[in-house]
N, C-alpha and C. Protein backbone atom coordinates (compact mmCIF):
# COMPACT_ATOMS: atom_id res chain seq x y z
N MET A 1 -2.00 5.71 -15.67
CA MET A 1 -1.64 5.45 -14.28
C MET A 1 -2.41 6.40 -13.37
N GLU A 2 -2.73 5.89 -12.20
CA GLU A 2 -3.39 6.69 -11.17
C GLU A 2 -2.54 6.67 -9.91
N ASN A 3 -2.73 7.68 -9.09
CA ASN A 3 -2.06 7.76 -7.79
C ASN A 3 -3.11 7.86 -6.70
N ILE A 4 -2.90 7.11 -5.62
CA ILE A 4 -3.75 7.23 -4.44
C ILE A 4 -2.87 7.32 -3.21
N THR A 5 -3.40 7.95 -2.18
CA THR A 5 -2.75 7.98 -0.88
C THR A 5 -3.72 7.38 0.12
N LEU A 6 -3.29 6.33 0.79
CA LEU A 6 -4.13 5.64 1.77
C LEU A 6 -3.62 5.94 3.18
N ASN A 7 -4.54 6.15 4.11
CA ASN A 7 -4.20 6.28 5.52
C ASN A 7 -4.19 4.88 6.11
N VAL A 8 -3.07 4.51 6.73
CA VAL A 8 -2.91 3.15 7.25
C VAL A 8 -2.49 3.22 8.71
N LYS A 9 -3.23 2.51 9.57
CA LYS A 9 -2.90 2.44 10.99
C LYS A 9 -2.18 1.13 11.29
N GLY A 10 -1.28 1.19 12.27
CA GLY A 10 -0.63 -0.02 12.75
C GLY A 10 0.81 -0.18 12.29
N MET A 11 1.27 0.66 11.39
CA MET A 11 2.66 0.57 10.93
C MET A 11 3.54 1.32 11.93
N SER A 12 4.62 0.67 12.39
CA SER A 12 5.44 1.30 13.42
C SER A 12 6.94 1.14 13.24
N CYS A 13 7.38 0.40 12.23
CA CYS A 13 8.81 0.14 12.12
C CYS A 13 9.21 -0.17 10.68
N GLY A 14 10.49 -0.40 10.48
CA GLY A 14 11.00 -0.72 9.15
C GLY A 14 10.42 -1.99 8.58
N HIS A 15 10.16 -2.97 9.43
CA HIS A 15 9.55 -4.21 8.95
C HIS A 15 8.17 -3.92 8.36
N CYS A 16 7.42 -3.04 9.01
CA CYS A 16 6.09 -2.67 8.52
C CYS A 16 6.20 -2.05 7.12
N VAL A 17 7.14 -1.13 6.98
CA VAL A 17 7.36 -0.47 5.69
C VAL A 17 7.68 -1.51 4.63
N ASN A 18 8.61 -2.40 4.94
CA ASN A 18 9.04 -3.42 3.99
C ASN A 18 7.90 -4.35 3.61
N ALA A 19 7.10 -4.77 4.59
CA ALA A 19 5.99 -5.69 4.33
C ALA A 19 4.98 -5.06 3.38
N VAL A 20 4.62 -3.81 3.63
CA VAL A 20 3.62 -3.15 2.79
C VAL A 20 4.19 -2.87 1.40
N GLU A 21 5.39 -2.29 1.34
CA GLU A 21 5.96 -1.94 0.03
C GLU A 21 6.19 -3.18 -0.83
N THR A 22 6.67 -4.26 -0.22
CA THR A 22 6.96 -5.48 -0.97
C THR A 22 5.68 -6.14 -1.48
N ASN A 23 4.71 -6.34 -0.59
CA ASN A 23 3.50 -7.07 -0.98
C ASN A 23 2.60 -6.28 -1.91
N VAL A 24 2.43 -5.00 -1.69
CA VAL A 24 1.64 -4.19 -2.61
C VAL A 24 2.39 -4.06 -3.93
N GLY A 25 3.70 -3.91 -3.86
CA GLY A 25 4.51 -3.77 -5.07
C GLY A 25 4.48 -4.98 -5.97
N GLU A 26 4.17 -6.15 -5.41
CA GLU A 26 4.11 -7.38 -6.20
C GLU A 26 2.79 -7.54 -6.95
N LEU A 27 1.80 -6.71 -6.65
CA LEU A 27 0.52 -6.80 -7.36
C LEU A 27 0.70 -6.38 -8.82
N ALA A 28 0.08 -7.12 -9.73
CA ALA A 28 0.12 -6.75 -11.14
C ALA A 28 -0.53 -5.39 -11.30
N GLY A 29 0.16 -4.48 -12.00
CA GLY A 29 -0.39 -3.16 -12.25
C GLY A 29 0.11 -2.09 -11.31
N VAL A 30 0.80 -2.48 -10.23
CA VAL A 30 1.36 -1.49 -9.30
C VAL A 30 2.75 -1.11 -9.79
N LYS A 31 2.92 0.19 -10.04
CA LYS A 31 4.21 0.69 -10.53
C LYS A 31 5.12 1.09 -9.38
N GLU A 32 4.56 1.77 -8.37
CA GLU A 32 5.39 2.26 -7.28
C GLU A 32 4.58 2.33 -5.98
N VAL A 33 5.25 2.00 -4.87
CA VAL A 33 4.65 2.07 -3.54
C VAL A 33 5.63 2.79 -2.64
N LYS A 34 5.14 3.77 -1.90
CA LYS A 34 6.00 4.49 -0.95
C LYS A 34 5.25 4.65 0.36
N VAL A 35 5.82 4.10 1.43
CA VAL A 35 5.24 4.22 2.77
C VAL A 35 5.87 5.42 3.47
N HIS A 36 5.02 6.25 4.06
CA HIS A 36 5.46 7.38 4.88
C HIS A 36 5.11 7.02 6.32
N LEU A 37 6.06 6.37 6.99
CA LEU A 37 5.81 5.77 8.30
C LEU A 37 5.35 6.81 9.33
N SER A 38 6.03 7.94 9.41
CA SER A 38 5.69 8.94 10.43
C SER A 38 4.31 9.55 10.22
N GLU A 39 3.84 9.55 8.99
CA GLU A 39 2.53 10.11 8.67
C GLU A 39 1.42 9.06 8.64
N GLY A 40 1.81 7.78 8.61
CA GLY A 40 0.82 6.71 8.51
C GLY A 40 0.13 6.69 7.16
N LYS A 41 0.89 6.99 6.11
CA LYS A 41 0.31 7.06 4.77
C LYS A 41 1.08 6.16 3.80
N VAL A 42 0.36 5.69 2.79
CA VAL A 42 0.96 4.87 1.74
C VAL A 42 0.54 5.46 0.40
N ASP A 43 1.52 5.86 -0.41
CA ASP A 43 1.27 6.35 -1.76
C ASP A 43 1.45 5.19 -2.73
N VAL A 44 0.50 5.04 -3.64
CA VAL A 44 0.57 3.96 -4.62
C VAL A 44 0.29 4.53 -6.01
N GLU A 45 1.18 4.22 -6.95
CA GLU A 45 0.95 4.53 -8.36
C GLU A 45 0.62 3.21 -9.03
N PHE A 46 -0.54 3.18 -9.72
CA PHE A 46 -1.01 1.90 -10.25
C PHE A 46 -1.83 2.10 -11.53
N ASP A 47 -1.98 1.00 -12.25
CA ASP A 47 -2.79 0.97 -13.46
C ASP A 47 -4.16 0.40 -13.08
N PRO A 48 -5.21 1.23 -13.08
CA PRO A 48 -6.53 0.75 -12.64
C PRO A 48 -7.15 -0.30 -13.55
N SER A 49 -6.60 -0.50 -14.74
CA SER A 49 -7.11 -1.56 -15.61
C SER A 49 -6.56 -2.93 -15.19
N LEU A 50 -5.53 -2.94 -14.32
CA LEU A 50 -4.92 -4.19 -13.88
C LEU A 50 -5.15 -4.51 -12.41
N VAL A 51 -5.33 -3.48 -11.59
CA VAL A 51 -5.51 -3.70 -10.15
C VAL A 51 -6.46 -2.64 -9.60
N SER A 52 -7.30 -3.05 -8.66
CA SER A 52 -8.27 -2.10 -8.08
C SER A 52 -7.77 -1.56 -6.75
N VAL A 53 -8.35 -0.45 -6.34
CA VAL A 53 -8.03 0.12 -5.03
C VAL A 53 -8.39 -0.89 -3.94
N ASP A 54 -9.50 -1.60 -4.12
CA ASP A 54 -9.90 -2.60 -3.13
C ASP A 54 -8.86 -3.71 -3.00
N GLN A 55 -8.26 -4.13 -4.11
CA GLN A 55 -7.21 -5.16 -4.05
C GLN A 55 -5.99 -4.64 -3.29
N ILE A 56 -5.65 -3.38 -3.52
CA ILE A 56 -4.52 -2.78 -2.81
C ILE A 56 -4.81 -2.72 -1.31
N LYS A 57 -6.01 -2.25 -0.96
CA LYS A 57 -6.39 -2.18 0.46
C LYS A 57 -6.39 -3.56 1.11
N GLU A 58 -6.91 -4.56 0.40
CA GLU A 58 -6.96 -5.92 0.93
C GLU A 58 -5.55 -6.47 1.18
N THR A 59 -4.62 -6.16 0.29
CA THR A 59 -3.25 -6.61 0.45
C THR A 59 -2.62 -5.99 1.69
N ILE A 60 -2.90 -4.71 1.93
CA ILE A 60 -2.39 -4.05 3.14
C ILE A 60 -3.04 -4.67 4.38
N ASP A 61 -4.35 -4.90 4.32
CA ASP A 61 -5.05 -5.56 5.44
C ASP A 61 -4.45 -6.94 5.74
N ASP A 62 -4.11 -7.67 4.68
CA ASP A 62 -3.55 -9.01 4.84
C ASP A 62 -2.20 -8.99 5.57
N GLN A 63 -1.52 -7.85 5.55
CA GLN A 63 -0.24 -7.72 6.26
C GLN A 63 -0.44 -7.36 7.73
N GLY A 64 -1.71 -7.14 8.12
CA GLY A 64 -2.01 -6.88 9.52
C GLY A 64 -2.19 -5.40 9.85
N TYR A 65 -2.37 -4.57 8.84
CA TYR A 65 -2.54 -3.13 9.06
C TYR A 65 -3.94 -2.71 8.63
N ASP A 66 -4.41 -1.61 9.19
CA ASP A 66 -5.77 -1.16 8.93
C ASP A 66 -5.77 0.05 8.02
N VAL A 67 -6.43 -0.08 6.88
CA VAL A 67 -6.63 1.05 5.97
C VAL A 67 -7.86 1.80 6.47
N VAL A 68 -7.68 3.08 6.77
CA VAL A 68 -8.79 3.89 7.32
C VAL A 68 -9.22 4.97 6.35
């Protein structure tokens, strides 16, 4: 398992947290997702043999937020 922390812009409320945690969490290979709303960060624990960082970033982008 690997851990990454992504800086994400555009998250401002509980709905944002839920959208990111739910959709990233549904990716095969993602074990845990934690959004830190006040910091604009998303921690992800994942298996790199099943999901790539780019796939995780794309999923966050698809929810309408910007990974910086």
